[in-house]
PDB file of N, CA and C in Angstrom:
ATOM      1  N   UNK A   1     265.972 140.787 -36.061  1.00  0.00           N
ATOM      2  CA  UNK A   1     264.527 140.753 -35.997  1.00  0.00           C
ATOM      3  C   UNK A   1     263.949 142.166 -35.994  1.00  0.00           C
ATOM      4  N   UNK A   2     264.684 143.118 -35.405  1.00  0.00           N
ATOM      5  CA  UNK A   2     264.208 144.501 -35.366  1.00  0.00           C
ATOM      6  C   UNK A   2     264.039 145.068 -36.769  1.00  0.00           C
ATOM      7  N   UNK A   3     264.970 144.720 -37.664  1.00  0.00           N
ATOM      8  CA  UNK A   3     264.883 145.225 -39.037  1.00  0.00           C
ATOM      9  C   UNK A   3     263.651 144.672 -39.746  1.00  0.00           C
ATOM     10  N   UNK A   4     263.327 143.414 -39.486  1.00  0.00           N
ATOM     11  CA  UNK A   4     262.146 142.798 -40.093  1.00  0.00           C
ATOM     12  C   UNK A   4     260.884 143.507 -39.611  1.00  0.00           C
ATOM     13  N   UNK A   5     260.810 143.742 -38.303  1.00  0.00           N
ATOM     14  CA  UNK A   5     259.641 144.419 -37.745  1.00  0.00           C
ATOM     15  C   UNK A   5     259.563 145.868 -38.217  1.00  0.00           C
ATOM     16  N   UNK A   6     260.723 146.501 -38.370  1.00  0.00           N
ATOM     17  CA  UNK A   6     260.750 147.876 -38.877  1.00  0.00           C
ATOM     18  C   UNK A   6     260.170 147.927 -40.289  1.00  0.00           C
ATOM     19  N   UNK A   7     260.534 146.955 -41.120  1.00  0.00           N
ATOM     20  CA  UNK A   7     260.006 146.901 -42.485  1.00  0.00           C
ATOM     21  C   UNK A   7     258.517 146.594 -42.477  1.00  0.00           C
ATOM     22  N   UNK A   8     258.064 145.748 -41.550  1.00  0.00           N
ATOM     23  CA  UNK A   8     256.631 145.427 -41.475  1.00  0.00           C
ATOM     24  C   UNK A   8     255.801 146.626 -41.024  1.00  0.00           C
ATOM     25  N   UNK A   9     256.387 147.480 -40.186  1.00  0.00           N
ATOM     26  CA  UNK A   9     255.672 148.678 -39.752  1.00  0.00           C
ATOM     27  C   UNK A   9     255.440 149.622 -40.923  1.00  0.00           C
ATOM     28  N   UNK A  10     256.311 149.553 -41.915  1.00  0.00           N
ATOM     29  CA  UNK A  10     256.151 150.355 -43.132  1.00  0.00           C
ATOM     30  C   UNK A  10     255.517 149.466 -44.210  1.00  0.00           C
ATOM     31  N   UNK A  11     254.471 148.751 -43.844  1.00  0.00           N
ATOM     32  CA  UNK A  11     253.857 147.706 -44.656  1.00  0.00           C
ATOM     33  C   UNK A  11     253.714 148.067 -46.128  1.00  0.00           C
ATOM     34  N   UNK A  12     253.139 149.208 -46.402  1.00  0.00           N
ATOM     35  CA  UNK A  12     252.925 149.585 -47.800  1.00  0.00           C
ATOM     36  C   UNK A  12     253.494 150.964 -48.101  1.00  0.00           C
ATOM     37  N   UNK A  13     254.602 151.306 -47.453  1.00  0.00           N
ATOM     38  CA  UNK A  13     255.256 152.581 -47.691  1.00  0.00           C
ATOM     39  C   UNK A  13     256.286 152.402 -48.798  1.00  0.00           C
ATOM     40  N   UNK A  14     255.999 152.979 -49.945  1.00  0.00           N
ATOM     41  CA  UNK A  14     256.893 152.851 -51.086  1.00  0.00           C
ATOM     42  C   UNK A  14     257.792 154.070 -51.235  1.00  0.00           C
ATOM     43  N   UNK A  15     257.609 155.068 -50.389  1.00  0.00           N
ATOM     44  CA  UNK A  15     258.455 156.262 -50.461  1.00  0.00           C
ATOM     45  C   UNK A  15     259.522 156.180 -49.373  1.00  0.00           C
ATOM     46  N   UNK A  16     260.578 156.940 -49.558  1.00  0.00           N
ATOM     47  CA  UNK A  16     261.662 156.932 -48.594  1.00  0.00           C
ATOM     48  C   UNK A  16     262.759 155.968 -49.007  1.00  0.00           C
ATOM     49  N   UNK A  17     263.639 155.694 -48.060  1.00  0.00           N
ATOM     50  CA  UNK A  17     264.809 154.870 -48.349  1.00  0.00           C
ATOM     51  C   UNK A  17     264.958 153.776 -47.297  1.00  0.00           C
ATOM     52  N   UNK A  18     265.538 152.654 -47.698  1.00  0.00           N
ATOM     53  CA  UNK A  18     265.822 151.538 -46.786  1.00  0.00           C
ATOM     54  C   UNK A  18     267.273 151.131 -46.976  1.00  0.00           C
ATOM     55  N   UNK A  19     268.022 151.135 -45.891  1.00  0.00           N
ATOM     56  CA  UNK A  19     269.416 150.737 -46.027  1.00  0.00           C
ATOM     57  C   UNK A  19     269.552 149.233 -46.199  1.00  0.00           C
ATOM     58  N   UNK A  20     270.757 148.811 -46.524  1.00  0.00           N
ATOM     59  CA  UNK A  20     270.995 147.392 -46.826  1.00  0.00           C
ATOM     60  C   UNK A  20     270.524 146.472 -45.719  1.00  0.00           C
ATOM     61  N   UNK A  21     270.818 146.818 -44.471  1.00  0.00           N
ATOM     62  CA  UNK A  21     270.458 145.944 -43.353  1.00  0.00           C
ATOM     63  C   UNK A  21     268.952 145.710 -43.288  1.00  0.00           C
ATOM     64  N   UNK A  22     268.177 146.758 -43.473  1.00  0.00           N
ATOM     65  CA  UNK A  22     266.722 146.606 -43.430  1.00  0.00           C
ATOM     66  C   UNK A  22     266.245 145.658 -44.525  1.00  0.00           C
ATOM     67  N   UNK A  23     266.758 145.833 -45.730  1.00  0.00           N
ATOM     68  CA  UNK A  23     266.341 144.987 -46.845  1.00  0.00           C
ATOM     69  C   UNK A  23     266.771 143.535 -46.639  1.00  0.00           C
ATOM     70  N   UNK A  24     268.029 143.303 -46.341  1.00  0.00           N
ATOM     71  CA  UNK A  24     268.528 141.931 -46.278  1.00  0.00           C
ATOM     72  C   UNK A  24     268.026 141.174 -45.052  1.00  0.00           C
ATOM     73  N   UNK A  25     267.852 141.859 -43.922  1.00  0.00           N
ATOM     74  CA  UNK A  25     267.267 141.170 -42.769  1.00  0.00           C
ATOM     75  C   UNK A  25     265.795 140.847 -43.016  1.00  0.00           C
ATOM     76  N   UNK A  26     265.092 141.736 -43.695  1.00  0.00           N
ATOM     77  CA  UNK A  26     263.701 141.425 -44.048  1.00  0.00           C
ATOM     78  C   UNK A  26     263.663 140.179 -44.924  1.00  0.00           C
ATOM     79  N   UNK A  27     264.512 140.131 -45.938  1.00  0.00           N
ATOM     80  CA  UNK A  27     264.517 138.976 -46.845  1.00  0.00           C
ATOM     81  C   UNK A  27     264.929 137.696 -46.113  1.00  0.00           C
ATOM     82  N   UNK A  28     265.879 137.803 -45.187  1.00  0.00           N
ATOM     83  CA  UNK A  28     266.295 136.627 -44.418  1.00  0.00           C
ATOM     84  C   UNK A  28     265.116 136.054 -43.635  1.00  0.00           C
ATOM     85  N   UNK A  29     264.418 136.898 -42.892  1.00  0.00           N
ATOM     86  CA  UNK A  29     263.297 136.412 -42.092  1.00  0.00           C
ATOM     87  C   UNK A  29     262.121 135.976 -42.964  1.00  0.00           C
ATOM     88  N   UNK A  30     261.964 136.602 -44.107  1.00  0.00           N
ATOM     89  CA  UNK A  30     260.924 136.205 -45.061  1.00  0.00           C
ATOM     90  C   UNK A  30     261.169 134.769 -45.531  1.00  0.00           C
ATOM     91  N   UNK A  31     262.393 134.476 -45.914  1.00  0.00           N
ATOM     92  CA  UNK A  31     262.737 133.130 -46.378  1.00  0.00           C
ATOM     93  C   UNK A  31     262.622 132.123 -45.235  1.00  0.00           C
ATOM     94  N   UNK A  32     263.068 132.501 -44.031  1.00  0.00           N
ATOM     95  CA  UNK A  32     262.952 131.593 -42.888  1.00  0.00           C
ATOM     96  C   UNK A  32     261.490 131.293 -42.560  1.00  0.00           C
ATOM     97  N   UNK A  33     260.642 132.311 -42.616  1.00  0.00           N
ATOM     98  CA  UNK A  33     259.209 132.082 -42.380  1.00  0.00           C
ATOM     99  C   UNK A  33     258.609 131.174 -43.443  1.00  0.00           C
ATOM    100  N   UNK A  34     259.009 131.371 -44.694  1.00  0.00           N
ATOM    101  CA  UNK A  34     258.513 130.499 -45.764  1.00  0.00           C
ATOM    102  C   UNK A  34     258.955 129.051 -45.545  1.00  0.00           C
ATOM    103  N   UNK A  35     260.200 128.871 -45.135  1.00  0.00           N
ATOM    104  CA  UNK A  35     260.695 127.514 -44.887  1.00  0.00           C
ATOM    105  C   UNK A  35     259.941 126.865 -43.730  1.00  0.00           C
ATOM    106  N   UNK A  36     259.733 127.607 -42.647  1.00  0.00           N
ATOM    107  CA  UNK A  36     258.988 127.066 -41.503  1.00  0.00           C
ATOM    108  C   UNK A  36     257.550 126.733 -41.890  1.00  0.00           C
ATOM    109  N   UNK A  37     256.935 127.605 -42.674  1.00  0.00           N
ATOM    110  CA  UNK A  37     255.557 127.356 -43.117  1.00  0.00           C
ATOM    111  C   UNK A  37     255.486 126.113 -44.001  1.00  0.00           C
ATOM    112  N   UNK A  38     256.492 125.922 -44.835  1.00  0.00           N
ATOM    113  CA  UNK A  38     256.525 124.731 -45.688  1.00  0.00           C
ATOM    114  C   UNK A  38     256.680 123.463 -44.855  1.00  0.00           C
ATOM    115  N   UNK A  39     257.512 123.523 -43.823  1.00  0.00           N
ATOM    116  CA  UNK A  39     257.672 122.371 -42.932  1.00  0.00           C
ATOM    117  C   UNK A  39     256.344 122.066 -42.233  1.00  0.00           C
ATOM    118  N   UNK A  40     255.664 123.101 -41.763  1.00  0.00           N
ATOM    119  CA  UNK A  40     254.360 122.905 -41.116  1.00  0.00           C
ATOM    120  C   UNK A  40     253.372 122.292 -42.115  1.00  0.00           C
ATOM    121  N   UNK A  41     253.410 122.774 -43.341  1.00  0.00           N
ATOM    122  CA  UNK A  41     252.537 122.195 -44.372  1.00  0.00           C
ATOM    123  C   UNK A  41     252.836 120.717 -44.584  1.00  0.00           C
ATOM    124  N   UNK A  42     254.104 120.358 -44.616  1.00  0.00           N
ATOM    125  CA  UNK A  42     254.480 118.958 -44.831  1.00  0.00           C
ATOM    126  C   UNK A  42     254.067 118.082 -43.650  1.00  0.00           C
ATOM    127  N   UNK A  43     254.273 118.584 -42.439  1.00  0.00           N
ATOM    128  CA  UNK A  43     253.944 117.810 -41.241  1.00  0.00           C
ATOM    129  C   UNK A  43     252.431 117.615 -41.117  1.00  0.00           C
ATOM    130  N   UNK A  44     251.664 118.629 -41.463  1.00  0.00           N
ATOM    131  CA  UNK A  44     250.208 118.540 -41.323  1.00  0.00           C
ATOM    132  C   UNK A  44     249.533 117.913 -42.536  1.00  0.00           C
ATOM    133  N   UNK A  45     250.295 117.623 -43.580  1.00  0.00           N
ATOM    134  CA  UNK A  45     249.727 117.002 -44.765  1.00  0.00           C
ATOM    135  C   UNK A  45     249.063 117.990 -45.711  1.00  0.00           C
ATOM    136  N   UNK A  46     249.348 119.252 -45.547  1.00  0.00           N
ATOM    137  CA  UNK A  46     248.749 120.279 -46.399  1.00  0.00           C
ATOM    138  C   UNK A  46     249.628 120.650 -47.590  1.00  0.00           C
ATOM    139  N   UNK A  47     250.757 119.976 -47.733  1.00  0.00           N
ATOM    140  CA  UNK A  47     251.699 120.270 -48.818  1.00  0.00           C
ATOM    141  C   UNK A  47     251.364 119.406 -50.030  1.00  0.00           C
ATOM    142  N   UNK A  48     251.276 120.021 -51.195  1.00  0.00           N
ATOM    143  CA  UNK A  48     250.993 119.295 -52.435  1.00  0.00           C
ATOM    144  C   UNK A  48     252.285 119.204 -53.234  1.00  0.00           C
ATOM    145  N   UNK A  49     252.796 118.003 -53.390  1.00  0.00           N
ATOM    146  CA  UNK A  49     254.080 117.810 -54.067  1.00  0.00           C
ATOM    147  C   UNK A  49     254.033 118.191 -55.539  1.00  0.00           C
ATOM    148  N   UNK A  50     252.910 117.971 -56.189  1.00  0.00           N
ATOM    149  CA  UNK A  50     252.825 118.288 -57.617  1.00  0.00           C
ATOM    150  C   UNK A  50     252.974 119.787 -57.877  1.00  0.00           C
ATOM    151  N   UNK A  51     252.314 120.588 -57.066  1.00  0.00           N
ATOM    152  CA  UNK A  51     252.368 122.045 -57.253  1.00  0.00           C
ATOM    153  C   UNK A  51     253.422 122.705 -56.372  1.00  0.00           C
ATOM    154  N   UNK A  52     254.008 121.937 -55.467  1.00  0.00           N
ATOM    155  CA  UNK A  52     255.004 122.431 -54.511  1.00  0.00           C
ATOM    156  C   UNK A  52     254.479 123.620 -53.718  1.00  0.00           C
ATOM    157  N   UNK A  53     253.219 123.527 -53.293  1.00  0.00           N
ATOM    158  CA  UNK A  53     252.602 124.577 -52.492  1.00  0.00           C
ATOM    159  C   UNK A  53     251.890 123.965 -51.299  1.00  0.00           C
ATOM    160  N   UNK A  54     251.651 124.809 -50.323  1.00  0.00           N
ATOM    161  CA  UNK A  54     250.895 124.407 -49.153  1.00  0.00           C
ATOM    162  C   UNK A  54     250.119 125.596 -48.626  1.00  0.00           C
ATOM    163  N   UNK A  55     249.193 125.346 -47.730  1.00  0.00           N
ATOM    164  CA  UNK A  55     248.327 126.399 -47.204  1.00  0.00           C
ATOM    165  C   UNK A  55     249.129 127.471 -46.475  1.00  0.00           C
ATOM    166  N   UNK A  56     249.934 127.061 -45.498  1.00  0.00           N
ATOM    167  CA  UNK A  56     250.651 128.043 -44.681  1.00  0.00           C
ATOM    168  C   UNK A  56     251.733 128.766 -45.485  1.00  0.00           C
ATOM    169  N   UNK A  57     252.409 128.060 -46.349  1.00  0.00           N
ATOM    170  CA  UNK A  57     253.410 128.692 -47.201  1.00  0.00           C
ATOM    171  C   UNK A  57     252.803 129.743 -48.113  1.00  0.00           C
ATOM    172  N   UNK A  58     251.637 129.422 -48.654  1.00  0.00           N
ATOM    173  CA  UNK A  58     250.941 130.373 -49.528  1.00  0.00           C
ATOM    174  C   UNK A  58     250.480 131.597 -48.740  1.00  0.00           C
ATOM    175  N   UNK A  59     250.013 131.384 -47.518  1.00  0.00           N
ATOM    176  CA  UNK A  59     249.592 132.513 -46.677  1.00  0.00           C
ATOM    177  C   UNK A  59     250.761 133.431 -46.356  1.00  0.00           C
ATOM    178  N   UNK A  60     251.907 132.854 -46.019  1.00  0.00           N
ATOM    179  CA  UNK A  60     253.097 133.663 -45.734  1.00  0.00           C
ATOM    180  C   UNK A  60     253.551 134.389 -46.990  1.00  0.00           C
ATOM    181  N   UNK A  61     253.582 133.674 -48.099  1.00  0.00           N
ATOM    182  CA  UNK A  61     254.030 134.267 -49.358  1.00  0.00           C
ATOM    183  C   UNK A  61     253.195 135.485 -49.729  1.00  0.00           C
ATOM    184  N   UNK A  62     251.879 135.329 -49.735  1.00  0.00           N
ATOM    185  CA  UNK A  62     251.015 136.441 -50.136  1.00  0.00           C
ATOM    186  C   UNK A  62     250.859 137.486 -49.032  1.00  0.00           C
ATOM    187  N   UNK A  63     250.959 137.073 -47.776  1.00  0.00           N
ATOM    188  CA  UNK A  63     250.853 138.018 -46.668  1.00  0.00           C
ATOM    189  C   UNK A  63     252.016 138.998 -46.618  1.00  0.00           C
ATOM    190  N   UNK A  64     253.183 138.559 -47.055  1.00  0.00           N
ATOM    191  CA  UNK A  64     254.364 139.422 -47.030  1.00  0.00           C
ATOM    192  C   UNK A  64     254.770 139.919 -48.410  1.00  0.00           C
ATOM    193  N   UNK A  65     253.923 139.725 -49.396  1.00  0.00           N
ATOM    194  CA  UNK A  65     254.249 140.160 -50.756  1.00  0.00           C
ATOM    195  C   UNK A  65     254.355 141.683 -50.860  1.00  0.00           C
ATOM    196  N   UNK A  66     253.375 142.400 -50.368  1.00  0.00           N
ATOM    197  CA  UNK A  66     253.398 143.867 -50.448  1.00  0.00           C
ATOM    198  C   UNK A  66     254.559 144.446 -49.644  1.00  0.00           C
ATOM    199  N   UNK A  67     254.804 143.996 -48.399  1.00  0.00           N
ATOM    200  CA  UNK A  67     255.958 144.542 -47.692  1.00  0.00           C
ATOM    201  C   UNK A  67     257.289 144.246 -48.390  1.00  0.00           C
ATOM    202  N   UNK A  68     257.410 143.094 -49.046  1.00  0.00           N
ATOM    203  CA  UNK A  68     258.666 142.779 -49.732  1.00  0.00           C
ATOM    204  C   UNK A  68     258.863 143.679 -50.947  1.00  0.00           C
ATOM    205  N   UNK A  69     257.787 143.990 -51.653  1.00  0.00           N
ATOM    206  CA  UNK A  69     257.897 144.906 -52.785  1.00  0.00           C
ATOM    207  C   UNK A  69     258.221 146.312 -52.277  1.00  0.00           C
ATOM    208  N   UNK A  70     257.580 146.722 -51.173  1.00  0.00           N
ATOM    209  CA  UNK A  70     257.812 148.056 -50.619  1.00  0.00           C
ATOM    210  C   UNK A  70     259.250 148.223 -50.140  1.00  0.00           C
ATOM    211  N   UNK A  71     259.777 147.243 -49.422  1.00  0.00           N
ATOM    212  CA  UNK A  71     261.149 147.365 -48.927  1.00  0.00           C
ATOM    213  C   UNK A  71     262.140 147.286 -50.090  1.00  0.00           C
ATOM    214  N   UNK A  72     261.803 146.547 -51.134  1.00  0.00           N
ATOM    215  CA  UNK A  72     262.652 146.508 -52.327  1.00  0.00           C
ATOM    216  C   UNK A  72     262.690 147.849 -53.037  1.00  0.00           C
ATOM    217  N   UNK A  73     261.536 148.497 -53.151  1.00  0.00           N
ATOM    218  CA  UNK A  73     261.485 149.826 -53.781  1.00  0.00           C
ATOM    219  C   UNK A  73     262.260 150.841 -52.955  1.00  0.00           C
ATOM    220  N   UNK A  74     262.097 150.788 -51.631  1.00  0.00           N
ATOM    221  CA  UNK A  74     262.848 151.717 -50.771  1.00  0.00           C
ATOM    222  C   UNK A  74     264.350 151.451 -50.840  1.00  0.00           C
ATOM    223  N   UNK A  75     264.725 150.181 -51.012  1.00  0.00           N
ATOM    224  CA  UNK A  75     266.157 149.859 -51.144  1.00  0.00           C
ATOM    225  C   UNK A  75     266.713 150.466 -52.428  1.00  0.00           C
ATOM    226  N   UNK A  76     265.960 150.368 -53.510  1.00  0.00           N
ATOM    227  CA  UNK A  76     266.387 150.982 -54.765  1.00  0.00           C
ATOM    228  C   UNK A  76     266.466 152.497 -54.623  1.00  0.00           C
ATOM    229  N   UNK A  77     265.521 153.091 -53.900  1.00  0.00           N
ATOM    230  CA  UNK A  77     265.573 154.533 -53.661  1.00  0.00           C
ATOM    231  C   UNK A  77     266.862 154.904 -52.928  1.00  0.00           C
ATOM    232  N   UNK A  78     267.297 154.049 -52.024  1.00  0.00           N
ATOM    233  CA  UNK A  78     268.514 154.321 -51.256  1.00  0.00           C
ATOM    234  C   UNK A  78     269.754 154.352 -52.148  1.00  0.00           C
ATOM    235  N   UNK A  79     269.704 153.636 -53.265  1.00  0.00           N
ATOM    236  CA  UNK A  79     270.839 153.645 -54.188  1.00  0.00           C
ATOM    237  C   UNK A  79     270.645 154.663 -55.307  1.00  0.00           C
ATOM    238  N   UNK A  80     269.565 155.480 -55.209  1.00  0.00           N
ATOM    239  CA  UNK A  80     269.337 156.533 -56.185  1.00  0.00           C
ATOM    240  C   UNK A  80     268.559 156.085 -57.410  1.00  0.00           C
ATOM    241  N   UNK A  81     267.893 154.940 -57.333  1.00  0.00           N
ATOM    242  CA  UNK A  81     267.135 154.422 -58.471  1.00  0.00           C
ATOM    243  C   UNK A  81     265.640 154.442 -58.173  1.00  0.00           C
ATOM    244  N   UNK A  82     264.854 154.473 -59.212  1.00  0.00           N
ATOM    245  CA  UNK A  82     263.406 154.404 -59.083  1.00  0.00           C
ATOM    246  C   UNK A  82     262.999 152.985 -58.694  1.00  0.00           C
ATOM    247  N   UNK A  83     261.864 152.871 -58.019  1.00  0.00           N
ATOM    248  CA  UNK A  83     261.343 151.556 -57.655  1.00  0.00           C
ATOM    249  C   UNK A  83     260.947 150.719 -58.856  1.00  0.00           C
ATOM    250  N   UNK A  84     260.765 151.360 -59.999  1.00  0.00           N
ATOM    251  CA  UNK A  84     260.404 150.635 -61.216  1.00  0.00           C
ATOM    252  C   UNK A  84     261.522 149.707 -61.681  1.00  0.00           C
ATOM    253  N   UNK A  85     262.727 149.900 -61.168  1.00  0.00           N
ATOM    254  CA  UNK A  85     263.824 148.992 -61.511  1.00  0.00           C
ATOM    255  C   UNK A  85     263.560 147.581 -60.993  1.00  0.00           C
ATOM    256  N   UNK A  86     262.573 147.431 -60.131  1.00  0.00           N
ATOM    257  CA  UNK A  86     262.223 146.091 -59.648  1.00  0.00           C
ATOM    258  C   UNK A  86     261.743 145.200 -60.783  1.00  0.00           C
ATOM    259  N   UNK A  87     261.315 145.795 -61.865  1.00  0.00           N
ATOM    260  CA  UNK A  87     260.867 145.009 -63.014  1.00  0.00           C
ATOM    261  C   UNK A  87     262.011 144.244 -63.677  1.00  0.00           C
ATOM    262  N   UNK A  88     263.233 144.456 -63.223  1.00  0.00           N
ATOM    263  CA  UNK A  88     264.362 143.667 -63.729  1.00  0.00           C
ATOM    264  C   UNK A  88     264.151 142.177 -63.506  1.00  0.00           C
ATOM    265  N   UNK A  89     263.344 141.842 -62.489  1.00  0.00           N
ATOM    266  CA  UNK A  89     263.081 140.437 -62.197  1.00  0.00           C
ATOM    267  C   UNK A  89     262.436 139.722 -63.380  1.00  0.00           C
ATOM    268  N   UNK A  90     261.839 140.473 -64.278  1.00  0.00           N
ATOM    269  CA  UNK A  90     261.184 139.868 -65.440  1.00  0.00           C
ATOM    270  C   UNK A  90     262.218 139.279 -66.407  1.00  0.00           C
ATOM    271  N   UNK A  91     263.406 139.845 -66.423  1.00  0.00           N
ATOM    272  CA  UNK A  91     264.467 139.386 -67.322  1.00  0.00           C
ATOM    273  C   UNK A  91     265.211 138.227 -66.645  1.00  0.00           C
ATOM    274  N   UNK A  92     265.174 137.043 -67.211  1.00  0.00           N
ATOM    275  CA  UNK A  92     265.849 135.901 -66.579  1.00  0.00           C
ATOM    276  C   UNK A  92     267.365 136.114 -66.486  1.00  0.00           C
ATOM    277  N   UNK A  93     267.938 135.661 -65.421  1.00  0.00           N
ATOM    278  CA  UNK A  93     269.360 135.662 -65.112  1.00  0.00           C
ATOM    279  C   UNK A  93     269.978 137.057 -65.078  1.00  0.00           C
ATOM    280  N   UNK A  94     269.967 137.787 -66.179  1.00  0.00           N
ATOM    281  CA  UNK A  94     270.589 139.116 -66.222  1.00  0.00           C
ATOM    282  C   UNK A  94     269.869 140.056 -65.257  1.00  0.00           C
ATOM    283  N   UNK A  95     268.551 140.008 -65.224  1.00  0.00           N
ATOM    284  CA  UNK A  95     267.781 140.840 -64.310  1.00  0.00           C
ATOM    285  C   UNK A  95     268.063 140.491 -62.859  1.00  0.00           C
ATOM    286  N   UNK A  96     268.190 139.207 -62.564  1.00  0.00           N
ATOM    287  CA  UNK A  96     268.485 138.770 -61.201  1.00  0.00           C
ATOM    288  C   UNK A  96     269.870 139.241 -60.772  1.00  0.00           C
ATOM    289  N   UNK A  97     270.837 139.128 -61.640  1.00  0.00           N
ATOM    290  CA  UNK A  97     272.197 139.573 -61.322  1.00  0.00           C
ATOM    291  C   UNK A  97     272.224 141.084 -61.114  1.00  0.00           C
ATOM    292  N   UNK A  98     271.561 141.838 -61.993  1.00  0.00           N
ATOM    293  CA  UNK A  98     271.516 143.298 -61.846  1.00  0.00           C
ATOM    294  C   UNK A  98     270.823 143.688 -60.547  1.00  0.00           C
ATOM    295  N   UNK A  99     269.711 143.004 -60.222  1.00  0.00           N
ATOM    296  CA  UNK A  99     268.992 143.285 -58.978  1.00  0.00           C
ATOM    297  C   UNK A  99     269.895 143.027 -57.777  1.00  0.00           C
ATOM    298  N   UNK A 100     270.634 141.941 -57.788  1.00  0.00           N
ATOM    299  CA  UNK A 100     271.546 141.616 -56.697  1.00  0.00           C
ATOM    300  C   UNK A 100     272.610 142.694 -56.547  1.00  0.00           C
ATOM    301  N   UNK A 101     273.176 143.147 -57.661  1.00  0.00           N
ATOM    302  CA  UNK A 101     274.184 144.217 -57.617  1.00  0.00           C
ATOM    303  C   UNK A 101     273.578 145.484 -57.025  1.00  0.00           C
ATOM    304  N   UNK A 102     272.380 145.856 -57.459  1.00  0.00           N
ATOM    305  CA  UNK A 102     271.735 147.077 -56.965  1.00  0.00           C
ATOM    306  C   UNK A 102     271.466 147.008 -55.467  1.00  0.00           C
ATOM    307  N   UNK A 103     271.013 145.861 -54.984  1.00  0.00           N
ATOM    308  CA  UNK A 103     270.667 145.756 -53.562  1.00  0.00           C
ATOM    309  C   UNK A 103     271.893 145.620 -52.671  1.00  0.00           C
ATOM    310  N   UNK A 104     273.024 145.231 -53.251  1.00  0.00           N
ATOM    311  CA  UNK A 104     274.255 145.125 -52.464  1.00  0.00           C
ATOM    312  C   UNK A 104     275.050 146.425 -52.425  1.00  0.00           C
ATOM    313  N   UNK A 105     274.685 147.381 -53.274  1.00  0.00           N
ATOM    314  CA  UNK A 105     275.409 148.649 -53.298  1.00  0.00           C
ATOM    315  C   UNK A 105     275.151 149.456 -52.031  1.00  0.00           C
ATOM    316  N   UNK A 106     276.126 150.294 -51.698  1.00  0.00           N
ATOM    317  CA  UNK A 106     276.002 151.165 -50.545  1.00  0.00           C
ATOM    318  C   UNK A 106     275.030 152.300 -50.857  1.00  0.00           C
ATOM    319  N   UNK A 107     274.551 152.944 -49.820  1.00  0.00           N
ATOM    320  CA  UNK A 107     273.652 154.082 -49.974  1.00  0.00           C
ATOM    321  C   UNK A 107     274.345 155.234 -50.686  1.00  0.00           C
ATOM    322  N   UNK A 108     273.553 156.021 -51.405  1.00  0.00           N
ATOM    323  CA  UNK A 108     274.122 157.248 -51.951  1.00  0.00           C
ATOM    324  C   UNK A 108     274.312 158.202 -50.786  1.00  0.00           C
ATOM    325  N   UNK A 109     275.461 158.854 -50.715  1.00  0.00           N
ATOM    326  CA  UNK A 109     275.728 159.737 -49.566  1.00  0.00           C
ATOM    327  C   UNK A 109     274.792 160.946 -49.552  1.00  0.00           C
ATOM    328  N   UNK A 110     274.440 161.371 -48.368  1.00  0.00           N
ATOM    329  CA  UNK A 110     273.574 162.527 -48.217  1.00  0.00           C
ATOM    330  C   UNK A 110     272.156 162.248 -48.673  1.00  0.00           C
ATOM    331  N   UNK A 111     271.398 163.313 -48.778  1.00  0.00           N
ATOM    332  CA  UNK A 111     270.013 163.186 -49.221  1.00  0.00           C
ATOM    333  C   UNK A 111     269.971 163.059 -50.740  1.00  0.00           C
ATOM    334  N   UNK A 112     268.982 162.325 -51.223  1.00  0.00           N
ATOM    335  CA  UNK A 112     268.738 162.273 -52.662  1.00  0.00           C
ATOM    336  C   UNK A 112     267.270 162.613 -52.893  1.00  0.00           C
ATOM    337  N   UNK A 113     266.780 162.430 -54.098  1.00  0.00           N
ATOM    338  CA  UNK A 113     265.407 162.822 -54.416  1.00  0.00           C
ATOM    339  C   UNK A 113     264.358 162.020 -53.652  1.00  0.00           C
ATOM    340  N   UNK A 114     264.778 160.912 -52.999  1.00  0.00           N
ATOM    341  CA  UNK A 114     263.836 160.055 -52.275  1.00  0.00           C
ATOM    342  C   UNK A 114     263.855 160.297 -50.773  1.00  0.00           C
ATOM    343  N   UNK A 115     264.738 161.170 -50.303  1.00  0.00           N
ATOM    344  CA  UNK A 115     264.765 161.496 -48.887  1.00  0.00           C
ATOM    345  C   UNK A 115     266.171 161.491 -48.319  1.00  0.00           C
ATOM    346  N   UNK A 116     266.275 161.710 -47.003  1.00  0.00           N
ATOM    347  CA  UNK A 116     267.592 161.722 -46.352  1.00  0.00           C
ATOM    348  C   UNK A 116     268.170 160.314 -46.254  1.00  0.00           C
ATOM    349  N   UNK A 117     269.472 160.251 -46.141  1.00  0.00           N
ATOM    350  CA  UNK A 117     270.166 158.970 -46.006  1.00  0.00           C
ATOM    351  C   UNK A 117     269.793 158.355 -44.662  1.00  0.00           C
ATOM    352  N   UNK A 118     269.267 157.132 -44.634  1.00  0.00           N
ATOM    353  CA  UNK A 118     268.869 156.520 -43.360  1.00  0.00           C
ATOM    354  C   UNK A 118     270.062 156.207 -42.456  1.00  0.00           C
ATOM    355  N   UNK A 119     271.256 156.103 -43.018  1.00  0.00           N
ATOM    356  CA  UNK A 119     272.422 155.859 -42.183  1.00  0.00           C
ATOM    357  C   UNK A 119     272.782 157.104 -41.377  1.00  0.00           C
ATOM    358  N   UNK A 120     272.481 158.265 -41.922  1.00  0.00           N
ATOM    359  CA  UNK A 120     272.818 159.516 -41.275  1.00  0.00           C
ATOM    360  C   UNK A 120     271.688 160.022 -40.379  1.00  0.00           C
ATOM    361  N   UNK A 121     270.513 159.409 -40.477  1.00  0.00           N
ATOM    362  CA  UNK A 121     269.366 159.822 -39.705  1.00  0.00           C
ATOM    363  C   UNK A 121     269.303 158.985 -38.425  1.00  0.00           C
ATOM    364  N   UNK A 122     269.203 159.640 -37.257  1.00  0.00           N
ATOM    365  CA  UNK A 122     269.103 158.840 -36.026  1.00  0.00           C
ATOM    366  C   UNK A 122     267.826 158.030 -35.995  1.00  0.00           C
ATOM    367  N   UNK A 123     267.947 156.797 -35.523  1.00  0.00           N
ATOM    368  CA  UNK A 123     266.796 155.879 -35.483  1.00  0.00           C
ATOM    369  C   UNK A 123     265.950 156.136 -34.266  1.00  0.00           C
TER     370      UNK A 123
END
């Protein structure tokens, strides 16, 4: 939970680096919040089956959209890539696989053009 809150504190910070734990814990809690919001939508009758959307799910989705893009860009910076590599999501299947490989890679050792290695920096 600390990693999720750490990423939220950097709500729209696209500079710097984010290690794997920060990125993946943020995504874990993001998905869990979306699932809980969808359940609340279904229980309260706010879920629309045709569009597969609901009020609370949509609020969570759009409320955490900017932080998810920011932590994704910082994760790419940690592997030595520009945040523009996030556009790989536009390419079906191949882009998703490449994105997964990039986010699972270890940090580049030492400082790079995006800042010091967060693993080597005391928290």
